[in-house]
Amino acid sequence: MNQSIIAKTDFFIYCPAKTGSSSLIHLLNRHPEINSIVGIKEPQFFRDTNITETKLMDYNTKFPLTNKLTCEKSTGYFPSPIAIQNIKQYCKPNVKFITILRN
């Protein structure tokens, strides 16, 4: 794959289910400089074991074309080793994570 193509995602909400991540993404979307993935609540893109250039380009189209910070959340990433490996491989080197935990 052409490594010059990277995911547009600037940061992830990285947490297990039932921790309030949907509320957090809703609140973040109110910020004028933040933009989350459109039309898909939890895309689970980075859990794919076969990410191709075409799939990555399609993933990037899910974010509106703006100069805003882009955010994604998928609670399925939290327990998935492949998701973290893919995020490291296909995202910007300085990608950030917001983690939510609860008892």
PDB file of N, CA and C in Angstrom:
ATOM      1  N   MET A   1       0.839  -1.183   0.000  1.00  0.00           N
ATOM      2  CA  MET A   1       0.000   0.000   0.000  1.00  0.00           C
ATOM      3  C   MET A   1       0.881   1.242   0.000  1.00  0.00           C
ATOM      4  N   ASN A   2       0.407   2.290  -0.649  1.00  0.00           N
ATOM      5  CA  ASN A   2       1.081   3.578  -0.683  1.00  0.00           C
ATOM      6  C   ASN A   2       0.985   4.219   0.697  1.00  0.00           C
ATOM      7  N   GLN A   3       2.091   4.328   1.380  1.00  0.00           N
ATOM      8  CA  GLN A   3       2.078   4.857   2.739  1.00  0.00           C
ATOM      9  C   GLN A   3       1.820   6.357   2.792  1.00  0.00           C
ATOM     10  N   SER A   4       1.768   7.030   1.638  1.00  0.00           N
ATOM     11  CA  SER A   4       1.465   8.456   1.666  1.00  0.00           C
ATOM     12  C   SER A   4      -0.015   8.701   1.938  1.00  0.00           C
ATOM     13  N   ILE A   5      -0.825   7.689   1.773  1.00  0.00           N
ATOM     14  CA  ILE A   5      -2.250   7.807   2.095  1.00  0.00           C
ATOM     15  C   ILE A   5      -2.427   7.403   3.555  1.00  0.00           C
ATOM     16  N   ILE A   6      -2.907   8.350   4.341  1.00  0.00           N
ATOM     17  CA  ILE A   6      -3.135   8.065   5.752  1.00  0.00           C
ATOM     18  C   ILE A   6      -4.558   8.463   6.120  1.00  0.00           C
ATOM     19  N   ALA A   7      -5.025   7.921   7.212  1.00  0.00           N
ATOM     20  CA  ALA A   7      -6.361   8.262   7.700  1.00  0.00           C
ATOM     21  C   ALA A   7      -6.376   9.712   8.159  1.00  0.00           C
ATOM     22  N   LYS A   8      -7.489  10.375   7.929  1.00  0.00           N
ATOM     23  CA  LYS A   8      -7.637  11.775   8.328  1.00  0.00           C
ATOM     24  C   LYS A   8      -7.809  11.948   9.828  1.00  0.00           C
ATOM     25  N   THR A   9      -8.021  10.881  10.535  1.00  0.00           N
ATOM     26  CA  THR A   9      -8.358  10.955  11.952  1.00  0.00           C
ATOM     27  C   THR A   9      -7.243  11.594  12.773  1.00  0.00           C
ATOM     28  N   ASP A  10      -7.593  12.655  13.515  1.00  0.00           N
ATOM     29  CA  ASP A  10      -6.635  13.319  14.399  1.00  0.00           C
ATOM     30  C   ASP A  10      -6.643  12.722  15.797  1.00  0.00           C
ATOM     31  N   PHE A  11      -7.838  12.272  16.233  1.00  0.00           N
ATOM     32  CA  PHE A  11      -7.903  11.643  17.545  1.00  0.00           C
ATOM     33  C   PHE A  11      -9.067  10.663  17.622  1.00  0.00           C
ATOM     34  N   PHE A  12      -8.913   9.735  18.547  1.00  0.00           N
ATOM     35  CA  PHE A  12      -9.901   8.679  18.774  1.00  0.00           C
ATOM     36  C   PHE A  12     -10.443   8.780  20.186  1.00  0.00           C
ATOM     37  N   ILE A  13     -11.700   8.460  20.337  1.00  0.00           N
ATOM     38  CA  ILE A  13     -12.245   8.179  21.660  1.00  0.00           C
ATOM     39  C   ILE A  13     -12.104   6.668  21.797  1.00  0.00           C
ATOM     40  N   TYR A  14     -11.224   6.260  22.682  1.00  0.00           N
ATOM     41  CA  TYR A  14     -10.784   4.873  22.804  1.00  0.00           C
ATOM     42  C   TYR A  14     -11.212   4.345  24.163  1.00  0.00           C
ATOM     43  N   CYS A  15     -12.285   3.565  24.175  1.00  0.00           N
ATOM     44  CA  CYS A  15     -12.815   3.113  25.464  1.00  0.00           C
ATOM     45  C   CYS A  15     -13.715   1.898  25.275  1.00  0.00           C
ATOM     46  N   PRO A  16     -13.971   1.174  26.358  1.00  0.00           N
ATOM     47  CA  PRO A  16     -14.923   0.073  26.281  1.00  0.00           C
ATOM     48  C   PRO A  16     -16.358   0.607  26.163  1.00  0.00           C
ATOM     49  N   ALA A  17     -17.268  -0.282  25.865  1.00  0.00           N
ATOM     50  CA  ALA A  17     -18.689   0.078  25.761  1.00  0.00           C
ATOM     51  C   ALA A  17     -19.228   0.523  27.125  1.00  0.00           C
ATOM     52  N   LYS A  18     -20.290   1.294  27.075  1.00  0.00           N
ATOM     53  CA  LYS A  18     -21.026   1.736  28.265  1.00  0.00           C
ATOM     54  C   LYS A  18     -20.203   2.643  29.182  1.00  0.00           C
ATOM     55  N   THR A  19     -19.360   3.481  28.587  1.00  0.00           N
ATOM     56  CA  THR A  19     -18.560   4.403  29.391  1.00  0.00           C
ATOM     57  C   THR A  19     -18.926   5.868  29.138  1.00  0.00           C
ATOM     58  N   GLY A  20     -19.897   6.115  28.278  1.00  0.00           N
ATOM     59  CA  GLY A  20     -20.310   7.487  27.994  1.00  0.00           C
ATOM     60  C   GLY A  20     -19.682   8.074  26.742  1.00  0.00           C
ATOM     61  N   SER A  21     -19.108   7.231  25.896  1.00  0.00           N
ATOM     62  CA  SER A  21     -18.432   7.737  24.706  1.00  0.00           C
ATOM     63  C   SER A  21     -19.395   8.399  23.716  1.00  0.00           C
ATOM     64  N   SER A  22     -20.614   7.910  23.626  1.00  0.00           N
ATOM     65  CA  SER A  22     -21.588   8.543  22.716  1.00  0.00           C
ATOM     66  C   SER A  22     -21.929   9.950  23.181  1.00  0.00           C
ATOM     67  N   SER A  23     -22.072  10.124  24.475  1.00  0.00           N
ATOM     68  CA  SER A  23     -22.324  11.466  25.015  1.00  0.00           C
ATOM     69  C   SER A  23     -21.143  12.376  24.752  1.00  0.00           C
ATOM     70  N   LEU A  24     -19.934  11.846  24.939  1.00  0.00           N
ATOM     71  CA  LEU A  24     -18.745  12.660  24.717  1.00  0.00           C
ATOM     72  C   LEU A  24     -18.634  13.088  23.256  1.00  0.00           C
ATOM     73  N   ILE A  25     -18.848  12.181  22.322  1.00  0.00           N
ATOM     74  CA  ILE A  25     -18.740  12.545  20.905  1.00  0.00           C
ATOM     75  C   ILE A  25     -19.811  13.566  20.539  1.00  0.00           C
ATOM     76  N   HIS A  26     -20.984  13.423  21.127  1.00  0.00           N
ATOM     77  CA  HIS A  26     -22.056  14.392  20.889  1.00  0.00           C
ATOM     78  C   HIS A  26     -21.628  15.787  21.358  1.00  0.00           C
ATOM     79  N   LEU A  27     -21.034  15.863  22.521  1.00  0.00           N
ATOM     80  CA  LEU A  27     -20.568  17.147  23.045  1.00  0.00           C
ATOM     81  C   LEU A  27     -19.408  17.704  22.221  1.00  0.00           C
ATOM     82  N   LEU A  28     -18.490  16.851  21.829  1.00  0.00           N
ATOM     83  CA  LEU A  28     -17.360  17.312  21.019  1.00  0.00           C
ATOM     84  C   LEU A  28     -17.817  17.850  19.669  1.00  0.00           C
ATOM     85  N   ASN A  29     -18.859  17.252  19.111  1.00  0.00           N
ATOM     86  CA  ASN A  29     -19.362  17.711  17.810  1.00  0.00           C
ATOM     87  C   ASN A  29     -19.923  19.129  17.876  1.00  0.00           C
ATOM     88  N   ARG A  30     -20.217  19.605  19.054  1.00  0.00           N
ATOM     89  CA  ARG A  30     -20.694  20.985  19.208  1.00  0.00           C
ATOM     90  C   ARG A  30     -19.565  22.000  19.041  1.00  0.00           C
ATOM     91  N   HIS A  31     -18.338  21.539  19.226  1.00  0.00           N
ATOM     92  CA  HIS A  31     -17.193  22.446  19.122  1.00  0.00           C
ATOM     93  C   HIS A  31     -16.978  22.815  17.652  1.00  0.00           C
ATOM     94  N   PRO A  32     -16.785  24.089  17.346  1.00  0.00           N
ATOM     95  CA  PRO A  32     -16.660  24.513  15.955  1.00  0.00           C
ATOM     96  C   PRO A  32     -15.409  24.022  15.240  1.00  0.00           C
ATOM     97  N   GLU A  33     -14.434  23.508  15.969  1.00  0.00           N
ATOM     98  CA  GLU A  33     -13.198  23.055  15.329  1.00  0.00           C
ATOM     99  C   GLU A  33     -13.040  21.535  15.344  1.00  0.00           C
ATOM    100  N   ILE A  34     -14.099  20.821  15.718  1.00  0.00           N
ATOM    101  CA  ILE A  34     -14.046  19.355  15.765  1.00  0.00           C
ATOM    102  C   ILE A  34     -15.120  18.783  14.860  1.00  0.00           C
ATOM    103  N   ASN A  35     -14.766  17.700  14.206  1.00  0.00           N
ATOM    104  CA  ASN A  35     -15.593  17.080  13.203  1.00  0.00           C
ATOM    105  C   ASN A  35     -15.458  15.556  13.359  1.00  0.00           C
ATOM    106  N   SER A  36     -16.554  14.858  13.575  1.00  0.00           N
ATOM    107  CA  SER A  36     -16.457  13.402  13.696  1.00  0.00           C
ATOM    108  C   SER A  36     -16.948  12.750  12.413  1.00  0.00           C
ATOM    109  N   ILE A  37     -16.699  11.474  12.321  1.00  0.00           N
ATOM    110  CA  ILE A  37     -17.076  10.726  11.129  1.00  0.00           C
ATOM    111  C   ILE A  37     -18.586  10.842  10.907  1.00  0.00           C
ATOM    112  N   VAL A  38     -18.992  10.986   9.689  1.00  0.00           N
ATOM    113  CA  VAL A  38     -20.389  11.262   9.363  1.00  0.00           C
ATOM    114  C   VAL A  38     -21.131   9.986   8.973  1.00  0.00           C
ATOM    115  N   GLY A  39     -22.328   9.820   9.517  1.00  0.00           N
ATOM    116  CA  GLY A  39     -23.235   8.767   9.078  1.00  0.00           C
ATOM    117  C   GLY A  39     -23.020   7.391   9.666  1.00  0.00           C
ATOM    118  N   ILE A  40     -21.968   7.203  10.438  1.00  0.00           N
ATOM    119  CA  ILE A  40     -21.691   5.883  11.015  1.00  0.00           C
ATOM    120  C   ILE A  40     -21.354   6.086  12.484  1.00  0.00           C
ATOM    121  N   LYS A  41     -22.137   5.474  13.363  1.00  0.00           N
ATOM    122  CA  LYS A  41     -21.898   5.669  14.794  1.00  0.00           C
ATOM    123  C   LYS A  41     -20.550   5.090  15.231  1.00  0.00           C
ATOM    124  N   GLU A  42     -20.281   3.872  14.858  1.00  0.00           N
ATOM    125  CA  GLU A  42     -19.014   3.225  15.205  1.00  0.00           C
ATOM    126  C   GLU A  42     -18.521   2.445  13.985  1.00  0.00           C
ATOM    127  N   PRO A  43     -17.660   3.046  13.179  1.00  0.00           N
ATOM    128  CA  PRO A  43     -17.270   2.422  11.914  1.00  0.00           C
ATOM    129  C   PRO A  43     -16.459   1.131  12.032  1.00  0.00           C
ATOM    130  N   GLN A  44     -15.747   0.947  13.125  1.00  0.00           N
ATOM    131  CA  GLN A  44     -14.931  -0.266  13.324  1.00  0.00           C
ATOM    132  C   GLN A  44     -13.904  -0.475  12.208  1.00  0.00           C
ATOM    133  N   PHE A  45     -13.570   0.573  11.481  1.00  0.00           N
ATOM    134  CA  PHE A  45     -12.683   0.462  10.316  1.00  0.00           C
ATOM    135  C   PHE A  45     -11.343  -0.179  10.651  1.00  0.00           C
ATOM    136  N   PHE A  46     -10.745   0.200  11.735  1.00  0.00           N
ATOM    137  CA  PHE A  46      -9.397  -0.260  12.043  1.00  0.00           C
ATOM    138  C   PHE A  46      -9.352  -1.668  12.630  1.00  0.00           C
ATOM    139  N   ARG A  47     -10.494  -2.316  12.770  1.00  0.00           N
ATOM    140  CA  ARG A  47     -10.517  -3.734  13.172  1.00  0.00           C
ATOM    141  C   ARG A  47     -10.382  -4.642  11.954  1.00  0.00           C
ATOM    142  N   ASP A  48     -10.427  -4.069  10.773  1.00  0.00           N
ATOM    143  CA  ASP A  48     -10.313  -4.823   9.522  1.00  0.00           C
ATOM    144  C   ASP A  48      -8.911  -5.432   9.421  1.00  0.00           C
ATOM    145  N   THR A  49      -8.837  -6.705   9.088  1.00  0.00           N
ATOM    146  CA  THR A  49      -7.532  -7.363   8.952  1.00  0.00           C
ATOM    147  C   THR A  49      -6.950  -7.187   7.560  1.00  0.00           C
ATOM    148  N   ASN A  50      -7.692  -6.536   6.658  1.00  0.00           N
ATOM    149  CA  ASN A  50      -7.228  -6.354   5.285  1.00  0.00           C
ATOM    150  C   ASN A  50      -7.545  -4.930   4.820  1.00  0.00           C
ATOM    151  N   ILE A  51      -6.848  -3.953   5.365  1.00  0.00           N
ATOM    152  CA  ILE A  51      -7.053  -2.564   4.945  1.00  0.00           C
ATOM    153  C   ILE A  51      -6.299  -2.347   3.642  1.00  0.00           C
ATOM    154  N   THR A  52      -7.014  -1.867   2.655  1.00  0.00           N
ATOM    155  CA  THR A  52      -6.416  -1.582   1.353  1.00  0.00           C
ATOM    156  C   THR A  52      -6.423  -0.078   1.110  1.00  0.00           C
ATOM    157  N   GLU A  53      -5.706   0.339   0.094  1.00  0.00           N
ATOM    158  CA  GLU A  53      -5.674   1.756  -0.272  1.00  0.00           C
ATOM    159  C   GLU A  53      -7.083   2.252  -0.601  1.00  0.00           C
ATOM    160  N   THR A  54      -7.847   1.444  -1.314  1.00  0.00           N
ATOM    161  CA  THR A  54      -9.221   1.815  -1.677  1.00  0.00           C
ATOM    162  C   THR A  54     -10.086   1.973  -0.434  1.00  0.00           C
ATOM    163  N   LYS A  55      -9.981   1.040   0.502  1.00  0.00           N
ATOM    164  CA  LYS A  55     -10.762   1.133   1.745  1.00  0.00           C
ATOM    165  C   LYS A  55     -10.369   2.371   2.548  1.00  0.00           C
ATOM    166  N   LEU A  56      -9.079   2.677   2.588  1.00  0.00           N
ATOM    167  CA  LEU A  56      -8.617   3.838   3.336  1.00  0.00           C
ATOM    168  C   LEU A  56      -9.108   5.137   2.696  1.00  0.00           C
ATOM    169  N   MET A  57      -9.084   5.208   1.381  1.00  0.00           N
ATOM    170  CA  MET A  57      -9.598   6.398   0.694  1.00  0.00           C
ATOM    171  C   MET A  57     -11.100   6.548   0.950  1.00  0.00           C
ATOM    172  N   ASP A  58     -11.829   5.428   0.956  1.00  0.00           N
ATOM    173  CA  ASP A  58     -13.269   5.474   1.242  1.00  0.00           C
ATOM    174  C   ASP A  58     -13.512   5.930   2.689  1.00  0.00           C
ATOM    175  N   TYR A  59     -12.720   5.421   3.616  1.00  0.00           N
ATOM    176  CA  TYR A  59     -12.829   5.841   5.026  1.00  0.00           C
ATOM    177  C   TYR A  59     -12.660   7.355   5.134  1.00  0.00           C
ATOM    178  N   ASN A  60     -11.670   7.890   4.456  1.00  0.00           N
ATOM    179  CA  ASN A  60     -11.410   9.327   4.521  1.00  0.00           C
ATOM    180  C   ASN A  60     -12.564  10.159   3.962  1.00  0.00           C
ATOM    181  N   THR A  61     -13.329   9.603   3.049  1.00  0.00           N
ATOM    182  CA  THR A  61     -14.469  10.360   2.499  1.00  0.00           C
ATOM    183  C   THR A  61     -15.596  10.507   3.518  1.00  0.00           C
ATOM    184  N   LYS A  62     -15.568   9.748   4.592  1.00  0.00           N
ATOM    185  CA  LYS A  62     -16.614   9.828   5.617  1.00  0.00           C
ATOM    186  C   LYS A  62     -16.498  11.090   6.463  1.00  0.00           C
ATOM    187  N   PHE A  63     -15.349  11.761   6.374  1.00  0.00           N
ATOM    188  CA  PHE A  63     -15.145  13.017   7.083  1.00  0.00           C
ATOM    189  C   PHE A  63     -15.395  14.164   6.116  1.00  0.00           C
ATOM    190  N   PRO A  64     -16.223  15.125   6.494  1.00  0.00           N
ATOM    191  CA  PRO A  64     -16.415  16.279   5.621  1.00  0.00           C
ATOM    192  C   PRO A  64     -15.076  16.985   5.377  1.00  0.00           C
ATOM    193  N   LEU A  65     -14.942  17.548   4.206  1.00  0.00           N
ATOM    194  CA  LEU A  65     -13.704  18.228   3.856  1.00  0.00           C
ATOM    195  C   LEU A  65     -13.632  19.589   4.538  1.00  0.00           C
ATOM    196  N   THR A  66     -12.920  19.640   5.645  1.00  0.00           N
ATOM    197  CA  THR A  66     -12.765  20.879   6.406  1.00  0.00           C
ATOM    198  C   THR A  66     -11.370  20.925   6.987  1.00  0.00           C
ATOM    199  N   ASN A  67     -11.054  22.014   7.605  1.00  0.00           N
ATOM    200  CA  ASN A  67      -9.779  22.150   8.311  1.00  0.00           C
ATOM    201  C   ASN A  67      -9.943  21.868   9.798  1.00  0.00           C
ATOM    202  N   LYS A  68     -11.024  21.193  10.157  1.00  0.00           N
ATOM    203  CA  LYS A  68     -11.287  20.883  11.556  1.00  0.00           C
ATOM    204  C   LYS A  68     -10.507  19.648  11.987  1.00  0.00           C
ATOM    205  N   LEU A  69     -10.356  19.481  13.301  1.00  0.00           N
ATOM    206  CA  LEU A  69      -9.806  18.245  13.843  1.00  0.00           C
ATOM    207  C   LEU A  69     -10.826  17.140  13.633  1.00  0.00           C
ATOM    208  N   THR A  70     -10.379  15.976  13.260  1.00  0.00           N
ATOM    209  CA  THR A  70     -11.299  14.869  13.011  1.00  0.00           C
ATOM    210  C   THR A  70     -11.196  13.831  14.118  1.00  0.00           C
ATOM    211  N   CYS A  71     -12.363  13.314  14.499  1.00  0.00           N
ATOM    212  CA  CYS A  71     -12.470  12.395  15.621  1.00  0.00           C
ATOM    213  C   CYS A  71     -13.303  11.187  15.229  1.00  0.00           C
ATOM    214  N   GLU A  72     -12.929  10.044  15.760  1.00  0.00           N
ATOM    215  CA  GLU A  72     -13.712   8.830  15.551  1.00  0.00           C
ATOM    216  C   GLU A  72     -13.798   8.068  16.853  1.00  0.00           C
ATOM    217  N   LYS A  73     -14.900   7.341  17.030  1.00  0.00           N
ATOM    218  CA  LYS A  73     -15.001   6.449  18.185  1.00  0.00           C
ATOM    219  C   LYS A  73     -15.600   5.126  17.741  1.00  0.00           C
ATOM    220  N   SER A  74     -15.027   4.077  18.222  1.00  0.00           N
ATOM    221  CA  SER A  74     -15.542   2.728  18.038  1.00  0.00           C
ATOM    222  C   SER A  74     -15.127   1.941  19.265  1.00  0.00           C
ATOM    223  N   THR A  75     -16.078   1.595  20.102  1.00  0.00           N
ATOM    224  CA  THR A  75     -15.729   0.901  21.340  1.00  0.00           C
ATOM    225  C   THR A  75     -15.085  -0.461  21.071  1.00  0.00           C
ATOM    226  N   GLY A  76     -15.281  -0.993  19.888  1.00  0.00           N
ATOM    227  CA  GLY A  76     -14.657  -2.272  19.527  1.00  0.00           C
ATOM    228  C   GLY A  76     -13.151  -2.193  19.377  1.00  0.00           C
ATOM    229  N   TYR A  77     -12.592  -0.982  19.291  1.00  0.00           N
ATOM    230  CA  TYR A  77     -11.135  -0.852  19.193  1.00  0.00           C
ATOM    231  C   TYR A  77     -10.452  -1.180  20.517  1.00  0.00           C
ATOM    232  N   PHE A  78     -11.123  -0.917  21.617  1.00  0.00           N
ATOM    233  CA  PHE A  78     -10.511  -1.065  22.939  1.00  0.00           C
ATOM    234  C   PHE A  78      -9.975  -2.472  23.189  1.00  0.00           C
ATOM    235  N   PRO A  79     -10.733  -3.525  22.925  1.00  0.00           N
ATOM    236  CA  PRO A  79     -10.199  -4.864  23.190  1.00  0.00           C
ATOM    237  C   PRO A  79      -9.457  -5.482  21.999  1.00  0.00           C
ATOM    238  N   SER A  80      -9.216  -4.714  20.931  1.00  0.00           N
ATOM    239  CA  SER A  80      -8.699  -5.285  19.686  1.00  0.00           C
ATOM    240  C   SER A  80      -7.230  -4.935  19.428  1.00  0.00           C
ATOM    241  N   PRO A  81      -6.331  -5.911  19.544  1.00  0.00           N
ATOM    242  CA  PRO A  81      -4.916  -5.644  19.231  1.00  0.00           C
ATOM    243  C   PRO A  81      -4.713  -5.219  17.775  1.00  0.00           C
ATOM    244  N   ILE A  82      -5.481  -5.778  16.860  1.00  0.00           N
ATOM    245  CA  ILE A  82      -5.323  -5.426  15.442  1.00  0.00           C
ATOM    246  C   ILE A  82      -5.697  -3.970  15.209  1.00  0.00           C
ATOM    247  N   ALA A  83      -6.677  -3.462  15.939  1.00  0.00           N
ATOM    248  CA  ALA A  83      -7.079  -2.063  15.765  1.00  0.00           C
ATOM    249  C   ALA A  83      -5.933  -1.128  16.120  1.00  0.00           C
ATOM    250  N   ILE A  84      -5.266  -1.380  17.214  1.00  0.00           N
ATOM    251  CA  ILE A  84      -4.146  -0.526  17.625  1.00  0.00           C
ATOM    252  C   ILE A  84      -3.004  -0.621  16.623  1.00  0.00           C
ATOM    253  N   GLN A  85      -2.715  -1.811  16.132  1.00  0.00           N
ATOM    254  CA  GLN A  85      -1.670  -1.966  15.121  1.00  0.00           C
ATOM    255  C   GLN A  85      -2.023  -1.186  13.857  1.00  0.00           C
ATOM    256  N   ASN A  86      -3.284  -1.272  13.430  1.00  0.00           N
ATOM    257  CA  ASN A  86      -3.705  -0.563  12.222  1.00  0.00           C
ATOM    258  C   ASN A  86      -3.698   0.952  12.418  1.00  0.00           C
ATOM    259  N   ILE A  87      -4.125   1.406  13.584  1.00  0.00           N
ATOM    260  CA  ILE A  87      -4.087   2.848  13.866  1.00  0.00           C
ATOM    261  C   ILE A  87      -2.650   3.342  13.788  1.00  0.00           C
ATOM    262  N   LYS A  88      -1.740   2.601  14.357  1.00  0.00           N
ATOM    263  CA  LYS A  88      -0.323   2.987  14.306  1.00  0.00           C
ATOM    264  C   LYS A  88       0.173   3.019  12.861  1.00  0.00           C
ATOM    265  N   GLN A  89      -0.239   2.067  12.065  1.00  0.00           N
ATOM    266  CA  GLN A  89       0.251   1.957  10.687  1.00  0.00           C
ATOM    267  C   GLN A  89      -0.400   2.963   9.734  1.00  0.00           C
ATOM    268  N   TYR A  90      -1.698   3.222   9.900  1.00  0.00           N
ATOM    269  CA  TYR A  90      -2.428   3.982   8.888  1.00  0.00           C
ATOM    270  C   TYR A  90      -2.845   5.395   9.310  1.00  0.00           C
ATOM    271  N   CYS A  91      -2.495   5.797  10.523  1.00  0.00           N
ATOM    272  CA  CYS A  91      -2.850   7.143  10.985  1.00  0.00           C
ATOM    273  C   CYS A  91      -1.599   7.995  11.125  1.00  0.00           C
ATOM    274  N   LYS A  92      -1.824   9.268  11.347  1.00  0.00           N
ATOM    275  CA  LYS A  92      -0.729  10.216  11.559  1.00  0.00           C
ATOM    276  C   LYS A  92       0.097   9.768  12.758  1.00  0.00           C
ATOM    277  N   PRO A  93       1.394  10.026  12.746  1.00  0.00           N
ATOM    278  CA  PRO A  93       2.220   9.586  13.880  1.00  0.00           C
ATOM    279  C   PRO A  93       1.857  10.249  15.208  1.00  0.00           C
ATOM    280  N   ASN A  94       1.228  11.407  15.150  1.00  0.00           N
ATOM    281  CA  ASN A  94       0.872  12.116  16.386  1.00  0.00           C
ATOM    282  C   ASN A  94      -0.610  11.995  16.728  1.00  0.00           C
ATOM    283  N   VAL A  95      -1.269  10.944  16.235  1.00  0.00           N
ATOM    284  CA  VAL A  95      -2.691  10.736  16.544  1.00  0.00           C
ATOM    285  C   VAL A  95      -2.868  10.657  18.051  1.00  0.00           C
ATOM    286  N   LYS A  96      -3.967  11.209  18.543  1.00  0.00           N
ATOM    287  CA  LYS A  96      -4.230  11.273  19.983  1.00  0.00           C
ATOM    288  C   LYS A  96      -5.386  10.354  20.363  1.00  0.00           C
ATOM    289  N   PHE A  97      -5.468  10.039  21.671  1.00  0.00           N
ATOM    290  CA  PHE A  97      -6.531   9.189  22.201  1.00  0.00           C
ATOM    291  C   PHE A  97      -7.138   9.837  23.431  1.00  0.00           C
ATOM    292  N   ILE A  98      -8.449   9.784  23.506  1.00  0.00           N
ATOM    293  CA  ILE A  98      -9.171  10.118  24.728  1.00  0.00           C
ATOM    294  C   ILE A  98      -9.713   8.792  25.234  1.00  0.00           C
ATOM    295  N   THR A  99      -9.366   8.427  26.436  1.00  0.00           N
ATOM    296  CA  THR A  99      -9.792   7.155  27.001  1.00  0.00           C
ATOM    297  C   THR A  99     -10.749   7.401  28.160  1.00  0.00           C
ATOM    298  N   ILE A 100     -11.817   6.643  28.176  1.00  0.00           N
ATOM    299  CA  ILE A 100     -12.810   6.728  29.252  1.00  0.00           C
ATOM    300  C   ILE A 100     -12.895   5.353  29.901  1.00  0.00           C
ATOM    301  N   LEU A 101     -12.806   5.317  31.215  1.00  0.00           N
ATOM    302  CA  LEU A 101     -12.951   4.072  31.959  1.00  0.00           C
ATOM    303  C   LEU A 101     -13.994   4.291  33.062  1.00  0.00           C
ATOM    304  N   ARG A 102     -14.570   3.234  33.520  1.00  0.00           N
ATOM    305  CA  ARG A 102     -15.517   3.328  34.642  1.00  0.00           C
ATOM    306  C   ARG A 102     -15.489   2.047  35.432  1.00  0.00           C
ATOM    307  N   ASN A 103     -15.999   2.095  36.660  1.00  0.00           N
ATOM    308  CA  ASN A 103     -16.026   0.886  37.465  1.00  0.00           C
ATOM    309  C   ASN A 103     -17.351   0.180  37.292  1.00  0.00           C
TER     310      ASN A 103
END
